[in-house]
Protein backbone atom coordinates (compact mmCIF):
# COMPACT_ATOMS: atom_id res chain seq x y z
CA MET A 1 -66.32 -76.96 -56.47
CA ARG A 2 -62.59 -77.31 -57.01
CA ASN A 3 -62.15 -73.52 -56.84
CA LEU A 4 -63.98 -73.45 -53.51
CA LEU A 5 -61.66 -76.13 -52.13
CA ILE A 6 -58.60 -74.20 -53.29
CA CYS A 7 -59.94 -71.02 -51.66
CA VAL A 8 -60.52 -72.85 -48.37
CA VAL A 9 -56.99 -74.28 -48.39
CA VAL A 10 -55.44 -70.88 -49.21
CA LEU A 11 -57.49 -69.22 -46.45
CA ALA A 12 -56.42 -71.87 -43.93
CA LEU A 13 -52.76 -71.38 -44.84
CA ALA A 14 -53.12 -67.61 -44.59
CA LEU A 15 -54.71 -67.85 -41.16
CA ASN A 16 -51.97 -70.16 -39.91
CA SER A 17 -49.24 -67.83 -41.18
CA TYR A 18 -50.12 -65.34 -38.42
CA ALA A 19 -49.35 -67.80 -35.63
CA ALA A 20 -46.77 -66.64 -33.12
CA VAL A 21 -44.42 -68.97 -31.28
CA HIS A 22 -43.97 -68.41 -27.53
CA GLU A 23 -41.48 -70.13 -25.25
CA ALA A 24 -41.55 -70.80 -21.53
CA HIS A 25 -38.07 -72.05 -20.56
CA PHE A 26 -37.17 -73.57 -17.20
CA SER A 27 -33.76 -74.37 -15.76
CA VAL A 28 -32.27 -74.46 -12.28
CA THR A 29 -29.85 -71.63 -13.12
CA ASP A 30 -32.61 -69.38 -14.50
CA GLY A 31 -34.97 -70.21 -11.65
CA LEU A 32 -37.82 -72.68 -11.50
CA THR A 33 -40.58 -70.13 -11.04
CA ASN A 34 -44.09 -70.50 -12.38
CA ARG A 35 -44.89 -68.56 -15.53
CA THR A 36 -47.93 -66.93 -17.10
CA VAL A 37 -48.18 -66.80 -20.89
CA THR A 38 -50.82 -65.06 -23.00
CA LEU A 39 -51.55 -66.52 -26.43
CA GLU A 40 -54.03 -65.98 -29.21
CA THR A 41 -55.85 -68.83 -30.90
CA GLY A 42 -53.54 -70.39 -33.47
CA ASP A 43 -50.36 -69.51 -31.52
CA ILE A 44 -47.83 -72.16 -30.53
CA LEU A 45 -46.38 -72.58 -27.03
CA MET A 46 -43.07 -74.36 -26.48
CA CYS A 47 -42.38 -75.41 -22.89
CA THR A 48 -38.66 -76.13 -22.71
CA PHE A 49 -36.57 -77.52 -19.87
CA PHE A 50 -32.89 -77.92 -19.17
CA GLY A 51 -31.92 -81.18 -17.56
CA LEU A 52 -28.88 -83.43 -17.69
CA LEU A 53 -30.20 -86.80 -18.83
CA SER A 54 -27.27 -88.68 -17.30
CA THR A 55 -28.25 -87.68 -13.73
CA GLY A 56 -31.38 -89.84 -13.62
CA PHE A 57 -33.62 -86.81 -13.23
CA SER A 58 -36.27 -86.33 -15.85
CA TRP A 59 -39.01 -83.79 -16.59
CA GLU A 60 -42.55 -85.16 -16.92
CA ASN A 61 -45.68 -83.51 -18.24
CA LYS A 62 -48.68 -83.89 -15.91
CA SER A 63 -51.00 -81.63 -17.93
CA HIS A 64 -54.43 -82.08 -19.48
CA PRO A 65 -55.23 -78.60 -20.81
CA GLU A 66 -58.66 -77.74 -22.14
CA HIS A 67 -57.79 -74.87 -24.51
CA LEU A 68 -54.49 -76.21 -25.85
CA LYS A 69 -53.78 -79.11 -28.19
CA PHE A 70 -50.65 -81.16 -27.58
CA SER A 71 -48.62 -81.14 -30.79
CA GLY A 72 -45.31 -82.78 -29.98
CA TYR A 73 -42.61 -83.83 -27.53
CA LEU A 74 -38.83 -84.03 -27.85
CA LYS A 75 -36.25 -85.42 -25.43
CA GLN A 76 -32.66 -84.87 -26.50
CA GLU A 77 -29.11 -84.82 -25.15
CA VAL A 78 -28.38 -81.36 -26.58
CA PRO A 79 -28.80 -78.50 -24.06
CA PRO A 80 -30.25 -76.05 -23.25
CA ASN A 81 -33.61 -77.49 -24.32
CA ASN A 82 -33.33 -81.15 -23.35
CA PHE A 83 -37.09 -81.58 -22.88
CA ILE A 84 -39.59 -79.80 -25.14
CA TRP A 85 -43.39 -79.95 -25.16
CA ASN A 86 -45.33 -78.10 -27.88
CA TYR A 87 -48.94 -76.98 -27.73
CA SER A 88 -51.25 -75.11 -30.11
CA ALA A 89 -53.83 -72.68 -28.76
CA VAL A 90 -57.20 -73.92 -30.08
CA SER A 91 -59.85 -72.01 -28.13
CA ALA A 92 -60.18 -69.00 -25.84
CA GLY A 93 -59.92 -69.59 -22.10
CA THR A 94 -57.37 -70.46 -19.43
CA SER A 95 -55.38 -73.64 -18.91
CA LYS A 96 -52.65 -74.74 -16.53
CA LEU A 97 -49.69 -76.85 -17.61
CA ILE A 98 -47.90 -78.73 -14.83
CA PHE A 99 -44.46 -80.29 -15.12
CA THR A 100 -42.48 -82.27 -12.55
CA ASN A 101 -38.78 -83.04 -12.31
CA GLY A 102 -37.40 -85.95 -10.38
CA GLU A 103 -36.09 -89.46 -10.35
CA PRO A 104 -38.72 -91.91 -11.65
CA TRP A 105 -38.18 -94.38 -8.79
CA ILE A 106 -38.92 -91.75 -6.11
CA PRO A 107 -42.65 -90.93 -5.80
CA THR A 108 -42.24 -87.27 -4.74
CA PRO A 109 -40.81 -84.98 -7.45
CA ALA A 110 -37.87 -82.73 -6.64
CA ASP A 111 -39.40 -79.80 -8.53
CA VAL A 112 -42.87 -78.80 -9.75
CA VAL A 113 -43.49 -75.88 -12.08
CA ALA A 114 -46.65 -74.55 -13.72
CA VAL A 115 -47.43 -72.46 -16.75
CA ASP A 116 -50.72 -70.57 -16.55
CA VAL A 117 -51.88 -70.06 -20.12
CA VAL A 118 -54.44 -67.43 -21.13
CA VAL A 119 -55.73 -67.91 -24.67
CA LYS A 120 -57.51 -65.02 -26.34
CA ASP A 121 -59.60 -65.29 -29.49
CA ALA A 122 -57.47 -63.95 -32.36
CA ASN A 123 -60.59 -62.81 -34.21
CA ILE A 124 -61.58 -60.53 -31.30
CA THR A 125 -58.08 -59.18 -30.63
CA GLY A 126 -57.80 -58.13 -34.26
CA ARG A 127 -54.83 -60.16 -35.44
CA LEU A 128 -56.84 -61.96 -38.11
């Protein structure tokens, strides 16, 4: 039984070692245009945003994706990635991530961007 458990753990680690990391970066200077990203199950998506925290503007995540699992958030003073949201692709399908930028006391955001995410099954695409 112990050998079976060890085999399962080793297999899980091996499968995770094939994960690719993708980044969708947004900043005013690079353009706030919507993006489309294609992932395979197990891949990681980092949505990163430039924003000066001292201005009062802040990026907010308005997303509830079906095929992605939220795995972390970071807000920091160090540019260029002042706001970072991480997701893991967990199942095949399409999801939309929506982020807004604005001042919290004003109801209408100054900017809205979206990331259309297509997740393909890694077993079918042949990576695993």
